[in-house]
């Protein structure tokens, strides 16, 4: 486990650019009008940026330092879980303490839009954490495949699904139903269970991809 935690420390330390960019966006983002997006939601940017650095920068660095692929992948999962917890905590605090300070405006926080707060703030924070973990694991696996033919095939399939399902009403309802389950879900047990199951399935797929991955 020492090797895994050493990898985690290395991953988080090398992710400074993602932290800085996210902090700048959160602090500098402004909106005009009576309806504004909560600054706390901009913390989700960290969940999007982090997999790019873990996959395209840290993998080769850690392999050259002698880390095993297993330790690297487990370290990534632990880092994603930790970051998902931190992002969810920050956005929840912003939603509770800062969003109400705009009395003249309607502040929209995606925790409300996704109906997570219907279950109480603690359950909402846990739902947010599980969703962000799913996003990071998905991006990690997708980015890891980009150097291989099956990565390009996956990209083509995802684009085809969006292009074909969106204009056709029956298929669009299927796509909308999928997003309602993984994101716009007011049922905490269902939402958390689905996100964790999908994260686990993607992690298994990520291990298969990682075995084929070379420097």
C-alpha atoms as a PDB file:
ATOM      1  CA  UNK A   1       0.000   0.000   0.000  1.00  0.00           C
ATOM      2  CA  UNK A   2       2.959   2.324   0.504  1.00  0.00           C
ATOM      3  CA  UNK A   3       3.607   2.261  -3.228  1.00  0.00           C
ATOM      4  CA  UNK A   4      -0.031   3.093  -3.960  1.00  0.00           C
ATOM      5  CA  UNK A   5      -0.088   6.043  -1.577  1.00  0.00           C
ATOM      6  CA  UNK A   6       3.211   7.260  -3.023  1.00  0.00           C
ATOM      7  CA  UNK A   7       1.536   7.202  -6.448  1.00  0.00           C
ATOM      8  CA  UNK A   8      -1.467   9.083  -5.056  1.00  0.00           C
ATOM      9  CA  UNK A   9       0.779  11.791  -3.618  1.00  0.00           C
ATOM     10  CA  UNK A  10       2.611  12.068  -6.945  1.00  0.00           C
ATOM     11  CA  UNK A  11      -0.643  12.288  -8.919  1.00  0.00           C
ATOM     12  CA  UNK A  12      -2.156  14.985  -6.731  1.00  0.00           C
ATOM     13  CA  UNK A  13       1.090  16.971  -6.567  1.00  0.00           C
ATOM     14  CA  UNK A  14       1.464  16.950 -10.357  1.00  0.00           C
ATOM     15  CA  UNK A  15      -2.139  18.092 -10.837  1.00  0.00           C
ATOM     16  CA  UNK A  16      -1.380  21.677  -9.830  1.00  0.00           C
ATOM     17  CA  UNK A  17      -2.395  23.144 -13.181  1.00  0.00           C
ATOM     18  CA  UNK A  18      -5.879  21.658 -12.873  1.00  0.00           C
ATOM     19  CA  UNK A  19      -6.234  23.062  -9.351  1.00  0.00           C
ATOM     20  CA  UNK A  20      -5.023  26.512 -10.411  1.00  0.00           C
ATOM     21  CA  UNK A  21      -7.233  26.713 -13.511  1.00  0.00           C
ATOM     22  CA  UNK A  22     -10.283  25.570 -11.567  1.00  0.00           C
ATOM     23  CA  UNK A  23      -9.623  28.032  -8.748  1.00  0.00           C
ATOM     24  CA  UNK A  24      -9.240  30.895 -11.223  1.00  0.00           C
ATOM     25  CA  UNK A  25     -12.493  30.022 -12.970  1.00  0.00           C
ATOM     26  CA  UNK A  26     -14.373  29.685  -9.669  1.00  0.00           C
ATOM     27  CA  UNK A  27     -13.069  33.010  -8.359  1.00  0.00           C
ATOM     28  CA  UNK A  28     -13.275  34.993 -11.591  1.00  0.00           C
ATOM     29  CA  UNK A  29     -16.458  33.662 -13.168  1.00  0.00           C
ATOM     30  CA  UNK A  30     -19.192  36.278 -13.314  1.00  0.00           C
ATOM     31  CA  UNK A  31     -22.651  36.231 -14.819  1.00  0.00           C
ATOM     32  CA  UNK A  32     -24.989  39.024 -15.785  1.00  0.00           C
ATOM     33  CA  UNK A  33     -28.733  38.998 -15.396  1.00  0.00           C
ATOM     34  CA  UNK A  34     -31.123  37.892 -12.696  1.00  0.00           C
ATOM     35  CA  UNK A  35     -30.375  34.166 -13.110  1.00  0.00           C
ATOM     36  CA  UNK A  36     -26.785  33.044 -12.529  1.00  0.00           C
ATOM     37  CA  UNK A  37     -24.960  29.752 -12.249  1.00  0.00           C
ATOM     38  CA  UNK A  38     -23.479  29.085  -8.829  1.00  0.00           C
ATOM     39  CA  UNK A  39     -19.712  29.569  -8.720  1.00  0.00           C
ATOM     40  CA  UNK A  40     -19.539  26.304  -6.815  1.00  0.00           C
ATOM     41  CA  UNK A  41     -20.508  24.405  -9.946  1.00  0.00           C
ATOM     42  CA  UNK A  42     -17.353  25.597 -11.669  1.00  0.00           C
ATOM     43  CA  UNK A  43     -15.437  23.297  -9.312  1.00  0.00           C
ATOM     44  CA  UNK A  44     -16.668  20.471 -11.553  1.00  0.00           C
ATOM     45  CA  UNK A  45     -14.056  21.667 -14.027  1.00  0.00           C
ATOM     46  CA  UNK A  46     -11.430  19.954 -11.856  1.00  0.00           C
ATOM     47  CA  UNK A  47     -13.146  16.606 -12.463  1.00  0.00           C
ATOM     48  CA  UNK A  48     -12.895  17.158 -16.224  1.00  0.00           C
ATOM     49  CA  UNK A  49      -9.290  18.364 -16.321  1.00  0.00           C
ATOM     50  CA  UNK A  50      -7.720  15.849 -13.939  1.00  0.00           C
ATOM     51  CA  UNK A  51      -8.006  12.681 -16.102  1.00  0.00           C
ATOM     52  CA  UNK A  52      -6.140  14.417 -18.932  1.00  0.00           C
ATOM     53  CA  UNK A  53      -3.105  14.965 -16.696  1.00  0.00           C
ATOM     54  CA  UNK A  54      -3.283  11.519 -15.093  1.00  0.00           C
ATOM     55  CA  UNK A  55      -3.434   9.763 -18.470  1.00  0.00           C
ATOM     56  CA  UNK A  56      -1.248  11.874 -20.749  1.00  0.00           C
ATOM     57  CA  UNK A  57       1.350  13.161 -18.280  1.00  0.00           C
ATOM     58  CA  UNK A  58       1.554  11.096 -15.103  1.00  0.00           C
ATOM     59  CA  UNK A  59       1.393   7.605 -16.609  1.00  0.00           C
ATOM     60  CA  UNK A  60       4.700   7.823 -18.471  1.00  0.00           C
ATOM     61  CA  UNK A  61       6.367   9.679 -15.598  1.00  0.00           C
ATOM     62  CA  UNK A  62       5.356   7.055 -13.052  1.00  0.00           C
ATOM     63  CA  UNK A  63       6.328   4.163 -15.321  1.00  0.00           C
ATOM     64  CA  UNK A  64       9.802   5.675 -15.731  1.00  0.00           C
ATOM     65  CA  UNK A  65      10.035   6.003 -11.940  1.00  0.00           C
ATOM     66  CA  UNK A  66       9.384   2.284 -11.572  1.00  0.00           C
ATOM     67  CA  UNK A  67       5.730   2.260 -10.528  1.00  0.00           C
ATOM     68  CA  UNK A  68       3.662  -0.741 -11.592  1.00  0.00           C
ATOM     69  CA  UNK A  69       0.592  -0.392 -13.774  1.00  0.00           C
ATOM     70  CA  UNK A  70      -1.540  -1.812 -10.969  1.00  0.00           C
ATOM     71  CA  UNK A  71      -0.281   0.742  -8.451  1.00  0.00           C
ATOM     72  CA  UNK A  72      -0.802   3.511 -11.010  1.00  0.00           C
ATOM     73  CA  UNK A  73      -4.406   2.515 -11.696  1.00  0.00           C
ATOM     74  CA  UNK A  74      -5.337   1.982  -8.043  1.00  0.00           C
ATOM     75  CA  UNK A  75      -3.682   5.304  -7.243  1.00  0.00           C
ATOM     76  CA  UNK A  76      -5.771   6.994  -9.929  1.00  0.00           C
ATOM     77  CA  UNK A  77      -8.998   5.536  -8.527  1.00  0.00           C
ATOM     78  CA  UNK A  78      -8.139   6.643  -4.985  1.00  0.00           C
ATOM     79  CA  UNK A  79      -7.231  10.107  -6.276  1.00  0.00           C
ATOM     80  CA  UNK A  80     -10.489  10.360  -8.213  1.00  0.00           C
ATOM     81  CA  UNK A  81     -12.507   9.345  -5.150  1.00  0.00           C
ATOM     82  CA  UNK A  82     -10.658  11.891  -3.008  1.00  0.00           C
ATOM     83  CA  UNK A  83     -11.099  14.677  -5.552  1.00  0.00           C
ATOM     84  CA  UNK A  84     -14.783  13.808  -6.030  1.00  0.00           C
ATOM     85  CA  UNK A  85     -15.259  14.113  -2.268  1.00  0.00           C
ATOM     86  CA  UNK A  86     -13.415  17.464  -2.138  1.00  0.00           C
ATOM     87  CA  UNK A  87     -15.265  18.928  -5.126  1.00  0.00           C
ATOM     88  CA  UNK A  88     -18.622  17.818  -3.729  1.00  0.00           C
ATOM     89  CA  UNK A  89     -17.770  19.247  -0.307  1.00  0.00           C
ATOM     90  CA  UNK A  90     -16.734  22.632  -1.732  1.00  0.00           C
ATOM     91  CA  UNK A  91     -19.782  22.956  -3.975  1.00  0.00           C
ATOM     92  CA  UNK A  92     -22.084  21.912  -1.137  1.00  0.00           C
ATOM     93  CA  UNK A  93     -20.575  24.549   1.170  1.00  0.00           C
ATOM     94  CA  UNK A  94     -20.886  27.183  -1.549  1.00  0.00           C
ATOM     95  CA  UNK A  95     -24.502  26.161  -2.113  1.00  0.00           C
ATOM     96  CA  UNK A  96     -25.315  26.465   1.584  1.00  0.00           C
ATOM     97  CA  UNK A  97     -23.314  29.543   2.580  1.00  0.00           C
ATOM     98  CA  UNK A  98     -22.531  31.651  -0.503  1.00  0.00           C
ATOM     99  CA  UNK A  99     -25.397  31.131  -2.963  1.00  0.00           C
ATOM    100  CA  UNK A 100     -27.967  32.678  -0.533  1.00  0.00           C
ATOM    101  CA  UNK A 101     -25.898  35.890  -0.418  1.00  0.00           C
ATOM    102  CA  UNK A 102     -27.308  36.934  -3.812  1.00  0.00           C
ATOM    103  CA  UNK A 103     -30.788  38.109  -2.741  1.00  0.00           C
ATOM    104  CA  UNK A 104     -31.392  40.081  -5.931  1.00  0.00           C
ATOM    105  CA  UNK A 105     -30.591  37.110  -8.156  1.00  0.00           C
ATOM    106  CA  UNK A 106     -31.708  33.557  -8.713  1.00  0.00           C
ATOM    107  CA  UNK A 107     -28.653  31.353  -8.225  1.00  0.00           C
ATOM    108  CA  UNK A 108     -28.859  27.996  -9.983  1.00  0.00           C
ATOM    109  CA  UNK A 109     -26.835  25.168  -8.505  1.00  0.00           C
ATOM    110  CA  UNK A 110     -26.766  21.888 -10.411  1.00  0.00           C
ATOM    111  CA  UNK A 111     -27.394  20.029  -7.162  1.00  0.00           C
ATOM    112  CA  UNK A 112     -30.913  21.473  -7.316  1.00  0.00           C
ATOM    113  CA  UNK A 113     -31.280  21.023 -11.080  1.00  0.00           C
ATOM    114  CA  UNK A 114     -30.348  17.339 -10.769  1.00  0.00           C
ATOM    115  CA  UNK A 115     -32.891  16.986  -7.903  1.00  0.00           C
ATOM    116  CA  UNK A 116     -30.248  15.698  -5.512  1.00  0.00           C
ATOM    117  CA  UNK A 117     -31.161  18.183  -2.770  1.00  0.00           C
ATOM    118  CA  UNK A 118     -34.642  16.624  -2.597  1.00  0.00           C
ATOM    119  CA  UNK A 119     -33.039  13.934  -0.439  1.00  0.00           C
ATOM    120  CA  UNK A 120     -31.351  16.295   2.019  1.00  0.00           C
ATOM    121  CA  UNK A 121     -27.987  17.991   1.773  1.00  0.00           C
ATOM    122  CA  UNK A 122     -25.915  15.014   2.971  1.00  0.00           C
ATOM    123  CA  UNK A 123     -27.454  12.628   0.453  1.00  0.00           C
ATOM    124  CA  UNK A 124     -27.111  15.299  -2.235  1.00  0.00           C
ATOM    125  CA  UNK A 125     -23.404  15.644  -1.481  1.00  0.00           C
ATOM    126  CA  UNK A 126     -22.950  11.881  -1.711  1.00  0.00           C
ATOM    127  CA  UNK A 127     -24.861  11.737  -4.993  1.00  0.00           C
ATOM    128  CA  UNK A 128     -22.703  14.523  -6.370  1.00  0.00           C
ATOM    129  CA  UNK A 129     -19.536  12.720  -5.271  1.00  0.00           C
ATOM    130  CA  UNK A 130     -20.581   9.446  -6.943  1.00  0.00           C
ATOM    131  CA  UNK A 131     -21.536  11.245 -10.154  1.00  0.00           C
ATOM    132  CA  UNK A 132     -18.214  13.099 -10.319  1.00  0.00           C
ATOM    133  CA  UNK A 133     -16.347   9.848  -9.659  1.00  0.00           C
ATOM    134  CA  UNK A 134     -18.191   8.272 -12.590  1.00  0.00           C
ATOM    135  CA  UNK A 135     -17.283  11.209 -14.830  1.00  0.00           C
ATOM    136  CA  UNK A 136     -13.588  10.994 -13.959  1.00  0.00           C
ATOM    137  CA  UNK A 137     -13.377   7.217 -14.360  1.00  0.00           C
ATOM    138  CA  UNK A 138     -15.209   7.429 -17.704  1.00  0.00           C
ATOM    139  CA  UNK A 139     -12.864  10.125 -19.005  1.00  0.00           C
ATOM    140  CA  UNK A 140      -9.821   8.210 -17.740  1.00  0.00           C
ATOM    141  CA  UNK A 141     -10.798   5.031 -19.594  1.00  0.00           C
ATOM    142  CA  UNK A 142     -11.817   6.914 -22.750  1.00  0.00           C
ATOM    143  CA  UNK A 143      -8.561   8.894 -22.856  1.00  0.00           C
ATOM    144  CA  UNK A 144      -6.485   5.779 -22.171  1.00  0.00           C
ATOM    145  CA  UNK A 145      -7.915   4.157 -25.306  1.00  0.00           C
ATOM    146  CA  UNK A 146      -7.095   7.005 -27.680  1.00  0.00           C
ATOM    147  CA  UNK A 147      -3.796   5.529 -28.884  1.00  0.00           C
ATOM    148  CA  UNK A 148      -5.542   2.344 -30.054  1.00  0.00           C
ATOM    149  CA  UNK A 149      -8.033   1.491 -32.787  1.00  0.00           C
ATOM    150  CA  UNK A 150     -10.721   0.567 -30.267  1.00  0.00           C
ATOM    151  CA  UNK A 151     -10.397   4.044 -28.801  1.00  0.00           C
ATOM    152  CA  UNK A 152     -11.173   5.616 -32.151  1.00  0.00           C
ATOM    153  CA  UNK A 153     -14.031   3.138 -32.583  1.00  0.00           C
ATOM    154  CA  UNK A 154     -15.433   4.132 -29.190  1.00  0.00           C
ATOM    155  CA  UNK A 155     -15.229   7.802 -30.159  1.00  0.00           C
ATOM    156  CA  UNK A 156     -17.089   7.064 -33.397  1.00  0.00           C
ATOM    157  CA  UNK A 157     -19.775   5.091 -31.546  1.00  0.00           C
ATOM    158  CA  UNK A 158     -20.307   7.888 -29.002  1.00  0.00           C
ATOM    159  CA  UNK A 159     -20.586  10.499 -31.767  1.00  0.00           C
ATOM    160  CA  UNK A 160     -22.959   8.251 -33.716  1.00  0.00           C
ATOM    161  CA  UNK A 161     -25.161   7.762 -30.647  1.00  0.00           C
ATOM    162  CA  UNK A 162     -25.413  11.512 -30.121  1.00  0.00           C
ATOM    163  CA  UNK A 163     -26.040  12.264 -33.801  1.00  0.00           C
ATOM    164  CA  UNK A 164     -28.560   9.460 -34.358  1.00  0.00           C
ATOM    165  CA  UNK A 165     -30.398   9.387 -31.032  1.00  0.00           C
ATOM    166  CA  UNK A 166     -30.851  13.158 -30.711  1.00  0.00           C
ATOM    167  CA  UNK A 167     -33.036  13.880 -33.787  1.00  0.00           C
ATOM    168  CA  UNK A 168     -35.192  10.721 -33.531  1.00  0.00           C
ATOM    169  CA  UNK A 169     -37.857  11.115 -30.850  1.00  0.00           C
ATOM    170  CA  UNK A 170     -38.046   7.484 -29.574  1.00  0.00           C
ATOM    171  CA  UNK A 171     -34.262   7.195 -29.430  1.00  0.00           C
ATOM    172  CA  UNK A 172     -33.986  10.647 -27.892  1.00  0.00           C
ATOM    173  CA  UNK A 173     -36.252   9.535 -25.064  1.00  0.00           C
ATOM    174  CA  UNK A 174     -33.949   6.547 -24.467  1.00  0.00           C
ATOM    175  CA  UNK A 175     -30.923   8.852 -24.327  1.00  0.00           C
ATOM    176  CA  UNK A 176     -32.774  11.244 -22.032  1.00  0.00           C
ATOM    177  CA  UNK A 177     -33.763   8.352 -19.791  1.00  0.00           C
ATOM    178  CA  UNK A 178     -30.135   7.303 -19.482  1.00  0.00           C
ATOM    179  CA  UNK A 179     -29.084  10.782 -18.388  1.00  0.00           C
ATOM    180  CA  UNK A 180     -32.009  10.949 -15.987  1.00  0.00           C
ATOM    181  CA  UNK A 181     -30.688   7.812 -14.306  1.00  0.00           C
ATOM    182  CA  UNK A 182     -27.023   8.832 -14.052  1.00  0.00           C
ATOM    183  CA  UNK A 183     -27.517  12.543 -13.397  1.00  0.00           C
ATOM    184  CA  UNK A 184     -31.056  13.963 -13.166  1.00  0.00           C
ATOM    185  CA  UNK A 185     -32.097  11.437 -10.555  1.00  0.00           C
ATOM    186  CA  UNK A 186     -34.041  12.287  -7.417  1.00  0.00           C
ATOM    187  CA  UNK A 187     -33.749   8.760  -5.986  1.00  0.00           C
ATOM    188  CA  UNK A 188     -30.555   8.713  -3.940  1.00  0.00           C
ATOM    189  CA  UNK A 189     -30.206   4.892  -3.592  1.00  0.00           C
ATOM    190  CA  UNK A 190     -30.826   4.303  -7.302  1.00  0.00           C
ATOM    191  CA  UNK A 191     -28.547   7.127  -8.411  1.00  0.00           C
ATOM    192  CA  UNK A 192     -25.688   6.191  -6.099  1.00  0.00           C
ATOM    193  CA  UNK A 193     -25.993   2.489  -6.954  1.00  0.00           C
ATOM    194  CA  UNK A 194     -25.981   3.089 -10.715  1.00  0.00           C
ATOM    195  CA  UNK A 195     -23.031   5.491 -10.556  1.00  0.00           C
ATOM    196  CA  UNK A 196     -20.981   3.081  -8.429  1.00  0.00           C
ATOM    197  CA  UNK A 197     -21.833   0.085 -10.617  1.00  0.00           C
ATOM    198  CA  UNK A 198     -20.929   1.960 -13.802  1.00  0.00           C
ATOM    199  CA  UNK A 199     -17.715   3.220 -12.186  1.00  0.00           C
ATOM    200  CA  UNK A 200     -16.792  -0.342 -11.209  1.00  0.00           C
ATOM    201  CA  UNK A 201     -17.565  -1.658 -14.704  1.00  0.00           C
ATOM    202  CA  UNK A 202     -15.538   1.101 -16.328  1.00  0.00           C
ATOM    203  CA  UNK A 203     -12.676   0.434 -13.906  1.00  0.00           C
ATOM    204  CA  UNK A 204     -12.579  -3.206 -14.996  1.00  0.00           C
ATOM    205  CA  UNK A 205     -12.520  -2.056 -18.598  1.00  0.00           C
ATOM    206  CA  UNK A 206      -9.764   0.395 -17.711  1.00  0.00           C
ATOM    207  CA  UNK A 207      -7.633  -2.442 -16.346  1.00  0.00           C
ATOM    208  CA  UNK A 208      -7.959  -4.302 -19.646  1.00  0.00           C
ATOM    209  CA  UNK A 209      -6.936  -1.179 -21.559  1.00  0.00           C
ATOM    210  CA  UNK A 210      -4.053  -0.519 -19.187  1.00  0.00           C
ATOM    211  CA  UNK A 211      -2.584  -3.980 -19.760  1.00  0.00           C
ATOM    212  CA  UNK A 212      -2.244  -3.128 -23.454  1.00  0.00           C
ATOM    213  CA  UNK A 213      -0.949   0.384 -22.829  1.00  0.00           C
ATOM    214  CA  UNK A 214       2.733   1.041 -23.524  1.00  0.00           C
ATOM    215  CA  UNK A 215       5.004   4.051 -23.105  1.00  0.00           C
END
